[in-house]
Amino acid sequence: MQRSKTDYVKLAGKGMLMGAADAVPGVSGGTVAFITGIYEELIHSIRQCGPEAIKVLFTEGIKAFWQHINGNFFNRLAQWNHYQSCDLGKSGAFLLDQYPVLLWSFFFSV
């Protein structure tokens, strides 16, 4: 699939939303993928990472393998997902240490 730079920026934002969701207890990044409309492509891309992908790698080379597994999609999504998870993970640890009751209240709607 051919994407423009704008598409990659949007995908990065969706990856950040998924990372933010993964950092919150009880919220799934998969749910965010579904809501933002990338769930089907994500599942299809994951399915491409099987034995056939290894065969493509050794018979057709790295470029064909990268295209087969939708590598640009994975790379952009994972890069920003990881960044946001780490960033919010640090913030969450700080909030849990400094303001535990407020944080618990936020998550439990008390």
PDB file of N, CA and C in Angstrom:
ATOM      1  N   MET A   1       0.841  -1.178   0.000  1.00  0.00           N
ATOM      2  CA  MET A   1       0.000   0.000   0.000  1.00  0.00           C
ATOM      3  C   MET A   1       0.886   1.240   0.000  1.00  0.00           C
ATOM      4  N   GLN A   2       0.609   2.145  -0.871  1.00  0.00           N
ATOM      5  CA  GLN A   2       1.362   3.385  -0.991  1.00  0.00           C
ATOM      6  C   GLN A   2       0.757   4.427  -0.051  1.00  0.00           C
ATOM      7  N   ARG A   3       1.581   5.040   0.771  1.00  0.00           N
ATOM      8  CA  ARG A   3       1.115   6.044   1.723  1.00  0.00           C
ATOM      9  C   ARG A   3       1.843   7.363   1.488  1.00  0.00           C
ATOM     10  N   SER A   4       1.150   8.454   1.767  1.00  0.00           N
ATOM     11  CA  SER A   4       1.768   9.776   1.681  1.00  0.00           C
ATOM     12  C   SER A   4       2.390  10.108   3.039  1.00  0.00           C
ATOM     13  N   LYS A   5       3.122  11.203   3.087  1.00  0.00           N
ATOM     14  CA  LYS A   5       3.714  11.629   4.354  1.00  0.00           C
ATOM     15  C   LYS A   5       2.626  11.953   5.374  1.00  0.00           C
ATOM     16  N   THR A   6       1.530  12.512   4.911  1.00  0.00           N
ATOM     17  CA  THR A   6       0.409  12.811   5.806  1.00  0.00           C
ATOM     18  C   THR A   6      -0.156  11.529   6.412  1.00  0.00           C
ATOM     19  N   ASP A   7      -0.248  10.486   5.595  1.00  0.00           N
ATOM     20  CA  ASP A   7      -0.738   9.195   6.094  1.00  0.00           C
ATOM     21  C   ASP A   7       0.174   8.652   7.189  1.00  0.00           C
ATOM     22  N   TYR A   8       1.484   8.818   7.012  1.00  0.00           N
ATOM     23  CA  TYR A   8       2.424   8.335   8.020  1.00  0.00           C
ATOM     24  C   TYR A   8       2.341   9.154   9.309  1.00  0.00           C
ATOM     25  N   VAL A   9       2.063  10.442   9.179  1.00  0.00           N
ATOM     26  CA  VAL A   9       1.880  11.275  10.371  1.00  0.00           C
ATOM     27  C   VAL A   9       0.635  10.811  11.130  1.00  0.00           C
ATOM     28  N   LYS A  10      -0.441  10.554  10.394  1.00  0.00           N
ATOM     29  CA  LYS A  10      -1.675  10.052  11.024  1.00  0.00           C
ATOM     30  C   LYS A  10      -1.431   8.700  11.682  1.00  0.00           C
ATOM     31  N   LEU A  11      -0.684   7.835  11.007  1.00  0.00           N
ATOM     32  CA  LEU A  11      -0.374   6.517  11.563  1.00  0.00           C
ATOM     33  C   LEU A  11       0.463   6.653  12.831  1.00  0.00           C
ATOM     34  N   ALA A  12       1.388   7.601  12.845  1.00  0.00           N
ATOM     35  CA  ALA A  12       2.188   7.847  14.046  1.00  0.00           C
ATOM     36  C   ALA A  12       1.279   8.277  15.191  1.00  0.00           C
ATOM     37  N   GLY A  13       0.318   9.144  14.902  1.00  0.00           N
ATOM     38  CA  GLY A  13      -0.631   9.570  15.928  1.00  0.00           C
ATOM     39  C   GLY A  13      -1.449   8.410  16.461  1.00  0.00           C
ATOM     40  N   LYS A  14      -1.864   7.521  15.588  1.00  0.00           N
ATOM     41  CA  LYS A  14      -2.629   6.349  16.011  1.00  0.00           C
ATOM     42  C   LYS A  14      -1.762   5.430  16.856  1.00  0.00           C
ATOM     43  N   GLY A  15      -0.483   5.319  16.491  1.00  0.00           N
ATOM     44  CA  GLY A  15       0.451   4.534  17.296  1.00  0.00           C
ATOM     45  C   GLY A  15       0.623   5.129  18.678  1.00  0.00           C
ATOM     46  N   MET A  16       0.669   6.458  18.747  1.00  0.00           N
ATOM     47  CA  MET A  16       0.784   7.125  20.045  1.00  0.00           C
ATOM     48  C   MET A  16      -0.465   6.883  20.889  1.00  0.00           C
ATOM     49  N   LEU A  17      -1.629   6.918  20.257  1.00  0.00           N
ATOM     50  CA  LEU A  17      -2.862   6.632  20.991  1.00  0.00           C
ATOM     51  C   LEU A  17      -2.873   5.194  21.511  1.00  0.00           C
ATOM     52  N   MET A  18      -2.386   4.267  20.684  1.00  0.00           N
ATOM     53  CA  MET A  18      -2.310   2.870  21.127  1.00  0.00           C
ATOM     54  C   MET A  18      -1.343   2.732  22.295  1.00  0.00           C
ATOM     55  N   GLY A  19      -0.210   3.418  22.228  1.00  0.00           N
ATOM     56  CA  GLY A  19       0.762   3.370  23.317  1.00  0.00           C
ATOM     57  C   GLY A  19       0.203   3.963  24.597  1.00  0.00           C
ATOM     58  N   ALA A  20      -0.542   5.051  24.444  1.00  0.00           N
ATOM     59  CA  ALA A  20      -1.164   5.675  25.612  1.00  0.00           C
ATOM     60  C   ALA A  20      -2.176   4.723  26.238  1.00  0.00           C
ATOM     61  N   ALA A  21      -2.936   4.038  25.401  1.00  0.00           N
ATOM     62  CA  ALA A  21      -3.927   3.089  25.912  1.00  0.00           C
ATOM     63  C   ALA A  21      -3.240   1.917  26.611  1.00  0.00           C
ATOM     64  N   ASP A  22      -2.128   1.457  26.063  1.00  0.00           N
ATOM     65  CA  ASP A  22      -1.404   0.337  26.677  1.00  0.00           C
ATOM     66  C   ASP A  22      -0.825   0.704  28.035  1.00  0.00           C
ATOM     67  N   ALA A  23      -0.572   1.983  28.252  1.00  0.00           N
ATOM     68  CA  ALA A  23      -0.009   2.424  29.528  1.00  0.00           C
ATOM     69  C   ALA A  23      -1.068   2.549  30.619  1.00  0.00           C
ATOM     70  N   VAL A  24      -2.323   2.492  30.240  1.00  0.00           N
ATOM     71  CA  VAL A  24      -3.416   2.638  31.201  1.00  0.00           C
ATOM     72  C   VAL A  24      -3.950   1.258  31.555  1.00  0.00           C
ATOM     73  N   PRO A  25      -3.987   0.928  32.831  1.00  0.00           N
ATOM     74  CA  PRO A  25      -4.511  -0.382  33.228  1.00  0.00           C
ATOM     75  C   PRO A  25      -5.964  -0.567  32.784  1.00  0.00           C
ATOM     76  N   GLY A  26      -6.244  -1.705  32.161  1.00  0.00           N
ATOM     77  CA  GLY A  26      -7.598  -2.028  31.754  1.00  0.00           C
ATOM     78  C   GLY A  26      -7.997  -1.515  30.386  1.00  0.00           C
ATOM     79  N   VAL A  27      -7.097  -0.821  29.705  1.00  0.00           N
ATOM     80  CA  VAL A  27      -7.395  -0.313  28.371  1.00  0.00           C
ATOM     81  C   VAL A  27      -6.469  -1.008  27.383  1.00  0.00           C
ATOM     82  N   SER A  28      -7.007  -1.399  26.234  1.00  0.00           N
ATOM     83  CA  SER A  28      -6.243  -2.157  25.255  1.00  0.00           C
ATOM     84  C   SER A  28      -5.865  -1.298  24.052  1.00  0.00           C
ATOM     85  N   GLY A  29      -4.631  -1.475  23.608  1.00  0.00           N
ATOM     86  CA  GLY A  29      -4.204  -0.816  22.380  1.00  0.00           C
ATOM     87  C   GLY A  29      -4.975  -1.343  21.185  1.00  0.00           C
ATOM     88  N   GLY A  30      -5.410  -2.602  21.253  1.00  0.00           N
ATOM     89  CA  GLY A  30      -6.218  -3.186  20.188  1.00  0.00           C
ATOM     90  C   GLY A  30      -7.557  -2.489  20.044  1.00  0.00           C
ATOM     91  N   THR A  31      -8.124  -2.069  21.152  1.00  0.00           N
ATOM     92  CA  THR A  31      -9.376  -1.321  21.112  1.00  0.00           C
ATOM     93  C   THR A  31      -9.171   0.001  20.391  1.00  0.00           C
ATOM     94  N   VAL A  32      -8.069   0.661  20.681  1.00  0.00           N
ATOM     95  CA  VAL A  32      -7.762   1.924  20.012  1.00  0.00           C
ATOM     96  C   VAL A  32      -7.517   1.684  18.525  1.00  0.00           C
ATOM     97  N   ALA A  33      -6.838   0.591  18.178  1.00  0.00           N
ATOM     98  CA  ALA A  33      -6.622   0.256  16.770  1.00  0.00           C
ATOM     99  C   ALA A  33      -7.957   0.078  16.059  1.00  0.00           C
ATOM    100  N   PHE A  34      -8.916  -0.566  16.720  1.00  0.00           N
ATOM    101  CA  PHE A  34     -10.239  -0.761  16.141  1.00  0.00           C
ATOM    102  C   PHE A  34     -10.951   0.578  15.956  1.00  0.00           C
ATOM    103  N   ILE A  35     -10.906   1.403  16.982  1.00  0.00           N
ATOM    104  CA  ILE A  35     -11.598   2.695  16.935  1.00  0.00           C
ATOM    105  C   ILE A  35     -11.004   3.606  15.856  1.00  0.00           C
ATOM    106  N   THR A  36      -9.687   3.573  15.701  1.00  0.00           N
ATOM    107  CA  THR A  36      -9.034   4.460  14.731  1.00  0.00           C
ATOM    108  C   THR A  36      -9.019   3.897  13.315  1.00  0.00           C
ATOM    109  N   GLY A  37      -9.528   2.679  13.128  1.00  0.00           N
ATOM    110  CA  GLY A  37      -9.670   2.125  11.786  1.00  0.00           C
ATOM    111  C   GLY A  37      -8.469   1.393  11.230  1.00  0.00           C
ATOM    112  N   ILE A  38      -7.509   1.024  12.069  1.00  0.00           N
ATOM    113  CA  ILE A  38      -6.336   0.307  11.557  1.00  0.00           C
ATOM    114  C   ILE A  38      -6.298  -1.148  12.014  1.00  0.00           C
ATOM    115  N   TYR A  39      -7.327  -1.597  12.699  1.00  0.00           N
ATOM    116  CA  TYR A  39      -7.341  -2.949  13.254  1.00  0.00           C
ATOM    117  C   TYR A  39      -7.219  -4.015  12.162  1.00  0.00           C
ATOM    118  N   GLU A  40      -7.996  -3.882  11.094  1.00  0.00           N
ATOM    119  CA  GLU A  40      -7.964  -4.877  10.016  1.00  0.00           C
ATOM    120  C   GLU A  40      -6.574  -4.971   9.378  1.00  0.00           C
ATOM    121  N   GLU A  41      -5.963  -3.817   9.116  1.00  0.00           N
ATOM    122  CA  GLU A  41      -4.625  -3.821   8.525  1.00  0.00           C
ATOM    123  C   GLU A  41      -3.608  -4.404   9.505  1.00  0.00           C
ATOM    124  N   LEU A  42      -3.764  -4.112  10.779  1.00  0.00           N
ATOM    125  CA  LEU A  42      -2.868  -4.649  11.792  1.00  0.00           C
ATOM    126  C   LEU A  42      -2.954  -6.170  11.848  1.00  0.00           C
ATOM    127  N   ILE A  43      -4.169  -6.703  11.887  1.00  0.00           N
ATOM    128  CA  ILE A  43      -4.360  -8.153  11.929  1.00  0.00           C
ATOM    129  C   ILE A  43      -3.826  -8.805  10.660  1.00  0.00           C
ATOM    130  N   HIS A  44      -4.113  -8.210   9.507  1.00  0.00           N
ATOM    131  CA  HIS A  44      -3.608  -8.759   8.244  1.00  0.00           C
ATOM    132  C   HIS A  44      -2.073  -8.763   8.228  1.00  0.00           C
ATOM    133  N   SER A  45      -1.471  -7.678   8.693  1.00  0.00           N
ATOM    134  CA  SER A  45      -0.012  -7.581   8.701  1.00  0.00           C
ATOM    135  C   SER A  45       0.603  -8.612   9.652  1.00  0.00           C
ATOM    136  N   ILE A  46      -0.033  -8.826  10.789  1.00  0.00           N
ATOM    137  CA  ILE A  46       0.470  -9.834  11.732  1.00  0.00           C
ATOM    138  C   ILE A  46       0.384 -11.221  11.109  1.00  0.00           C
ATOM    139  N   ARG A  47      -0.699 -11.496  10.402  1.00  0.00           N
ATOM    140  CA  ARG A  47      -0.856 -12.801   9.734  1.00  0.00           C
ATOM    141  C   ARG A  47       0.211 -13.034   8.675  1.00  0.00           C
ATOM    142  N   GLN A  48       0.711 -11.958   8.075  1.00  0.00           N
ATOM    143  CA  GLN A  48       1.733 -12.082   7.044  1.00  0.00           C
ATOM    144  C   GLN A  48       3.083 -12.511   7.611  1.00  0.00           C
ATOM    145  N   CYS A  49       3.250 -12.452   8.923  1.00  0.00           N
ATOM    146  CA  CYS A  49       4.529 -12.772   9.559  1.00  0.00           C
ATOM    147  C   CYS A  49       4.630 -14.249   9.922  1.00  0.00           C
ATOM    148  N   GLY A  50       4.387 -15.094   8.972  1.00  0.00           N
ATOM    149  CA  GLY A  50       4.461 -16.531   9.209  1.00  0.00           C
ATOM    150  C   GLY A  50       5.571 -17.173   8.397  1.00  0.00           C
ATOM    151  N   PRO A  51       5.476 -18.472   8.218  1.00  0.00           N
ATOM    152  CA  PRO A  51       6.495 -19.195   7.449  1.00  0.00           C
ATOM    153  C   PRO A  51       6.658 -18.670   6.019  1.00  0.00           C
ATOM    154  N   GLU A  52       5.578 -18.200   5.430  1.00  0.00           N
ATOM    155  CA  GLU A  52       5.663 -17.656   4.074  1.00  0.00           C
ATOM    156  C   GLU A  52       6.585 -16.436   4.030  1.00  0.00           C
ATOM    157  N   ALA A  53       6.580 -15.637   5.092  1.00  0.00           N
ATOM    158  CA  ALA A  53       7.448 -14.463   5.150  1.00  0.00           C
ATOM    159  C   ALA A  53       8.918 -14.869   5.149  1.00  0.00           C
ATOM    160  N   ILE A  54       9.242 -15.934   5.871  1.00  0.00           N
ATOM    161  CA  ILE A  54      10.629 -16.428   5.892  1.00  0.00           C
ATOM    162  C   ILE A  54      11.031 -16.910   4.500  1.00  0.00           C
ATOM    163  N   LYS A  55      10.101 -17.581   3.841  1.00  0.00           N
ATOM    164  CA  LYS A  55      10.368 -18.061   2.481  1.00  0.00           C
ATOM    165  C   LYS A  55      10.631 -16.876   1.546  1.00  0.00           C
ATOM    166  N   VAL A  56       9.820 -15.846   1.649  1.00  0.00           N
ATOM    167  CA  VAL A  56      10.010 -14.649   0.824  1.00  0.00           C
ATOM    168  C   VAL A  56      11.362 -14.005   1.129  1.00  0.00           C
ATOM    169  N   LEU A  57      11.730 -13.952   2.397  1.00  0.00           N
ATOM    170  CA  LEU A  57      13.007 -13.356   2.787  1.00  0.00           C
ATOM    171  C   LEU A  57      14.180 -14.056   2.109  1.00  0.00           C
ATOM    172  N   PHE A  58      14.175 -15.385   2.136  1.00  0.00           N
ATOM    173  CA  PHE A  58      15.320 -16.121   1.591  1.00  0.00           C
ATOM    174  C   PHE A  58      15.281 -16.304   0.082  1.00  0.00           C
ATOM    175  N   THR A  59      14.109 -16.226  -0.526  1.00  0.00           N
ATOM    176  CA  THR A  59      14.043 -16.404  -1.978  1.00  0.00           C
ATOM    177  C   THR A  59      14.033 -15.085  -2.751  1.00  0.00           C
ATOM    178  N   GLU A  60      13.394 -14.056  -2.171  1.00  0.00           N
ATOM    179  CA  GLU A  60      13.241 -12.805  -2.909  1.00  0.00           C
ATOM    180  C   GLU A  60      14.009 -11.626  -2.308  1.00  0.00           C
ATOM    181  N   GLY A  61      14.492 -11.766  -1.088  1.00  0.00           N
ATOM    182  CA  GLY A  61      15.298 -10.722  -0.491  1.00  0.00           C
ATOM    183  C   GLY A  61      14.568  -9.882   0.537  1.00  0.00           C
ATOM    184  N   ILE A  62      15.339  -8.978   1.133  1.00  0.00           N
ATOM    185  CA  ILE A  62      14.833  -8.168   2.244  1.00  0.00           C
ATOM    186  C   ILE A  62      13.727  -7.212   1.795  1.00  0.00           C
ATOM    187  N   LYS A  63      13.881  -6.590   0.642  1.00  0.00           N
ATOM    188  CA  LYS A  63      12.877  -5.628   0.182  1.00  0.00           C
ATOM    189  C   LYS A  63      11.522  -6.304  -0.019  1.00  0.00           C
ATOM    190  N   ALA A  64      11.509  -7.452  -0.640  1.00  0.00           N
ATOM    191  CA  ALA A  64      10.253  -8.186  -0.855  1.00  0.00           C
ATOM    192  C   ALA A  64       9.669  -8.646   0.477  1.00  0.00           C
ATOM    193  N   PHE A  65      10.535  -9.065   1.388  1.00  0.00           N
ATOM    194  CA  PHE A  65      10.089  -9.468   2.725  1.00  0.00           C
ATOM    195  C   PHE A  65       9.431  -8.299   3.442  1.00  0.00           C
ATOM    196  N   TRP A  66      10.075  -7.122   3.396  1.00  0.00           N
ATOM    197  CA  TRP A  66       9.558  -5.925   4.058  1.00  0.00           C
ATOM    198  C   TRP A  66       8.177  -5.561   3.513  1.00  0.00           C
ATOM    199  N   GLN A  67       8.022  -5.661   2.209  1.00  0.00           N
ATOM    200  CA  GLN A  67       6.725  -5.374   1.596  1.00  0.00           C
ATOM    201  C   GLN A  67       5.703  -6.450   1.967  1.00  0.00           C
ATOM    202  N   HIS A  68       6.138  -7.694   2.029  1.00  0.00           N
ATOM    203  CA  HIS A  68       5.248  -8.811   2.351  1.00  0.00           C
ATOM    204  C   HIS A  68       4.639  -8.655   3.742  1.00  0.00           C
ATOM    205  N   ILE A  69       5.452  -8.244   4.710  1.00  0.00           N
ATOM    206  CA  ILE A  69       4.944  -8.125   6.083  1.00  0.00           C
ATOM    207  C   ILE A  69       4.381  -6.739   6.378  1.00  0.00           C
ATOM    208  N   ASN A  70       4.374  -5.839   5.381  1.00  0.00           N
ATOM    209  CA  ASN A  70       3.897  -4.465   5.568  1.00  0.00           C
ATOM    210  C   ASN A  70       4.787  -3.754   6.591  1.00  0.00           C
ATOM    211  N   GLY A  71       6.064  -3.840   6.379  1.00  0.00           N
ATOM    212  CA  GLY A  71       7.064  -3.349   7.312  1.00  0.00           C
ATOM    213  C   GLY A  71       6.971  -1.866   7.634  1.00  0.00           C
ATOM    214  N   ASN A  72       6.659  -1.035   6.639  1.00  0.00           N
ATOM    215  CA  ASN A  72       6.543   0.404   6.917  1.00  0.00           C
ATOM    216  C   ASN A  72       5.427   0.680   7.909  1.00  0.00           C
ATOM    217  N   PHE A  73       4.325  -0.029   7.769  1.00  0.00           N
ATOM    218  CA  PHE A  73       3.199   0.107   8.696  1.00  0.00           C
ATOM    219  C   PHE A  73       3.631  -0.291  10.102  1.00  0.00           C
ATOM    220  N   PHE A  74       4.235  -1.481  10.229  1.00  0.00           N
ATOM    221  CA  PHE A  74       4.701  -1.959  11.530  1.00  0.00           C
ATOM    222  C   PHE A  74       5.717  -0.999  12.154  1.00  0.00           C
ATOM    223  N   ASN A  75       6.660  -0.563  11.355  1.00  0.00           N
ATOM    224  CA  ASN A  75       7.722   0.291  11.860  1.00  0.00           C
ATOM    225  C   ASN A  75       7.168   1.589  12.438  1.00  0.00           C
ATOM    226  N   ARG A  76       6.330   2.276  11.685  1.00  0.00           N
ATOM    227  CA  ARG A  76       5.791   3.549  12.141  1.00  0.00           C
ATOM    228  C   ARG A  76       4.894   3.355  13.363  1.00  0.00           C
ATOM    229  N   LEU A  77       4.050   2.340  13.315  1.00  0.00           N
ATOM    230  CA  LEU A  77       3.128   2.100  14.418  1.00  0.00           C
ATOM    231  C   LEU A  77       3.878   1.715  15.691  1.00  0.00           C
ATOM    232  N   ALA A  78       4.815   0.799  15.581  1.00  0.00           N
ATOM    233  CA  ALA A  78       5.561   0.325  16.754  1.00  0.00           C
ATOM    234  C   ALA A  78       6.455   1.417  17.333  1.00  0.00           C
ATOM    235  N   GLN A  79       7.060   2.197  16.477  1.00  0.00           N
ATOM    236  CA  GLN A  79       7.961   3.263  16.917  1.00  0.00           C
ATOM    237  C   GLN A  79       7.219   4.247  17.828  1.00  0.00           C
ATOM    238  N   TRP A  80       6.088   4.720  17.407  1.00  0.00           N
ATOM    239  CA  TRP A  80       5.348   5.705  18.193  1.00  0.00           C
ATOM    240  C   TRP A  80       4.593   5.072  19.339  1.00  0.00           C
ATOM    241  N   ASN A  81       4.163   3.835  19.175  1.00  0.00           N
ATOM    242  CA  ASN A  81       3.517   3.111  20.265  1.00  0.00           C
ATOM    243  C   ASN A  81       4.497   2.964  21.422  1.00  0.00           C
ATOM    244  N   HIS A  82       5.714   2.554  21.108  1.00  0.00           N
ATOM    245  CA  HIS A  82       6.747   2.365  22.131  1.00  0.00           C
ATOM    246  C   HIS A  82       7.092   3.694  22.805  1.00  0.00           C
ATOM    247  N   TYR A  83       7.258   4.728  21.999  1.00  0.00           N
ATOM    248  CA  TYR A  83       7.595   6.053  22.541  1.00  0.00           C
ATOM    249  C   TYR A  83       6.536   6.500  23.542  1.00  0.00           C
ATOM    250  N   GLN A  84       5.283   6.413  23.159  1.00  0.00           N
ATOM    251  CA  GLN A  84       4.214   6.893  24.016  1.00  0.00           C
ATOM    252  C   GLN A  84       4.056   6.015  25.253  1.00  0.00           C
ATOM    253  N   SER A  85       4.216   4.699  25.104  1.00  0.00           N
ATOM    254  CA  SER A  85       4.120   3.800  26.259  1.00  0.00           C
ATOM    255  C   SER A  85       5.185   4.140  27.299  1.00  0.00           C
ATOM    256  N   CYS A  86       6.401   4.358  26.818  1.00  0.00           N
ATOM    257  CA  CYS A  86       7.493   4.702  27.742  1.00  0.00           C
ATOM    258  C   CYS A  86       7.253   6.053  28.393  1.00  0.00           C
ATOM    259  N   ASP A  87       6.818   7.012  27.620  1.00  0.00           N
ATOM    260  CA  ASP A  87       6.578   8.354  28.139  1.00  0.00           C
ATOM    261  C   ASP A  87       5.470   8.342  29.189  1.00  0.00           C
ATOM    262  N   LEU A  88       4.356   7.715  28.885  1.00  0.00           N
ATOM    263  CA  LEU A  88       3.263   7.664  29.849  1.00  0.00           C
ATOM    264  C   LEU A  88       3.575   6.733  31.013  1.00  0.00           C
ATOM    265  N   GLY A  89       4.393   5.723  30.754  1.00  0.00           N
ATOM    266  CA  GLY A  89       4.789   4.832  31.844  1.00  0.00           C
ATOM    267  C   GLY A  89       5.556   5.587  32.916  1.00  0.00           C
ATOM    268  N   LYS A  90       6.442   6.477  32.489  1.00  0.00           N
ATOM    269  CA  LYS A  90       7.198   7.298  33.442  1.00  0.00           C
ATOM    270  C   LYS A  90       6.267   8.258  34.179  1.00  0.00           C
ATOM    271  N   SER A  91       5.362   8.874  33.427  1.00  0.00           N
ATOM    272  CA  SER A  91       4.409   9.797  34.045  1.00  0.00           C
ATOM    273  C   SER A  91       3.511   9.068  35.030  1.00  0.00           C
ATOM    274  N   GLY A  92       3.071   7.879  34.631  1.00  0.00           N
ATOM    275  CA  GLY A  92       2.211   7.090  35.512  1.00  0.00           C
ATOM    276  C   GLY A  92       2.919   6.683  36.787  1.00  0.00           C
ATOM    277  N   ALA A  93       4.182   6.317  36.678  1.00  0.00           N
ATOM    278  CA  ALA A  93       4.947   5.944  37.870  1.00  0.00           C
ATOM    279  C   ALA A  93       5.118   7.150  38.795  1.00  0.00           C
ATOM    280  N   PHE A  94       5.372   8.306  38.223  1.00  0.00           N
ATOM    281  CA  PHE A  94       5.492   9.524  39.023  1.00  0.00           C
ATOM    282  C   PHE A  94       4.178   9.830  39.742  1.00  0.00           C
ATOM    283  N   LEU A  95       3.074   9.783  38.995  1.00  0.00           N
ATOM    284  CA  LEU A  95       1.769  10.077  39.596  1.00  0.00           C
ATOM    285  C   LEU A  95       1.410   9.066  40.681  1.00  0.00           C
ATOM    286  N   LEU A  96       1.738   7.803  40.440  1.00  0.00           N
ATOM    287  CA  LEU A  96       1.447   6.773  41.431  1.00  0.00           C
ATOM    288  C   LEU A  96       2.258   7.003  42.699  1.00  0.00           C
ATOM    289  N   ASP A  97       3.483   7.475  42.537  1.00  0.00           N
ATOM    290  CA  ASP A  97       4.343   7.736  43.686  1.00  0.00           C
ATOM    291  C   ASP A  97       3.913   8.996  44.441  1.00  0.00           C
ATOM    292  N   GLN A  98       3.575  10.053  43.716  1.00  0.00           N
ATOM    293  CA  GLN A  98       3.288  11.346  44.333  1.00  0.00           C
ATOM    294  C   GLN A  98       1.811  11.560  44.689  1.00  0.00           C
ATOM    295  N   TYR A  99       0.921  11.027  43.872  1.00  0.00           N
ATOM    296  CA  TYR A  99      -0.519  11.270  44.056  1.00  0.00           C
ATOM    297  C   TYR A  99      -1.322   9.967  43.915  1.00  0.00           C
ATOM    298  N   PRO A 100      -1.058   8.973  44.740  1.00  0.00           N
ATOM    299  CA  PRO A 100      -1.715   7.676  44.544  1.00  0.00           C
ATOM    300  C   PRO A 100      -3.236   7.724  44.661  1.00  0.00           C
ATOM    301  N   VAL A 101      -3.757   8.456  45.623  1.00  0.00           N
ATOM    302  CA  VAL A 101      -5.211   8.486  45.820  1.00  0.00           C
ATOM    303  C   VAL A 101      -5.903   9.145  44.628  1.00  0.00           C
ATOM    304  N   LEU A 102      -5.351  10.233  44.136  1.00  0.00           N
ATOM    305  CA  LEU A 102      -5.938  10.893  42.967  1.00  0.00           C
ATOM    306  C   LEU A 102      -5.896   9.992  41.738  1.00  0.00           C
ATOM    307  N   LEU A 103      -4.786   9.299  41.546  1.00  0.00           N
ATOM    308  CA  LEU A 103      -4.666   8.399  40.398  1.00  0.00           C
ATOM    309  C   LEU A 103      -5.646   7.244  40.516  1.00  0.00           C
ATOM    310  N   TRP A 104      -5.739   6.636  41.683  1.00  0.00           N
ATOM    311  CA  TRP A 104      -6.697   5.545  41.882  1.00  0.00           C
ATOM    312  C   TRP A 104      -8.117   6.039  41.659  1.00  0.00           C
ATOM    313  N   SER A 105      -8.409   7.228  42.161  1.00  0.00           N
ATOM    314  CA  SER A 105      -9.747   7.805  41.991  1.00  0.00           C
ATOM    315  C   SER A 105     -10.069   8.004  40.519  1.00  0.00           C
ATOM    316  N   PHE A 106      -9.072   8.449  39.760  1.00  0.00           N
ATOM    317  CA  PHE A 106      -9.285   8.657  38.330  1.00  0.00           C
ATOM    318  C   PHE A 106      -9.642   7.344  37.645  1.00  0.00           C
ATOM    319  N   PHE A 107      -8.881   6.270  37.932  1.00  0.00           N
ATOM    320  CA  PHE A 107      -9.121   4.998  37.264  1.00  0.00           C
ATOM    321  C   PHE A 107     -10.371   4.287  37.755  1.00  0.00           C
ATOM    322  N   PHE A 108     -10.710   4.473  39.012  1.00  0.00           N
ATOM    323  CA  PHE A 108     -11.866   3.778  39.566  1.00  0.00           C
ATOM    324  C   PHE A 108     -13.109   4.659  39.610  1.00  0.00           C
ATOM    325  N   SER A 109     -13.003   5.882  39.092  1.00  0.00           N
ATOM    326  CA  SER A 109     -14.135   6.823  39.044  1.00  0.00           C
ATOM    327  C   SER A 109     -14.782   7.025  40.391  1.00  0.00           C
ATOM    328  N   VAL A 110     -13.955   7.164  41.405  1.00  0.00           N
ATOM    329  CA  VAL A 110     -14.488   7.363  42.759  1.00  0.00           C
ATOM    330  C   VAL A 110     -14.593   8.843  43.047  1.00  0.00           C
TER     331      VAL A 110
END
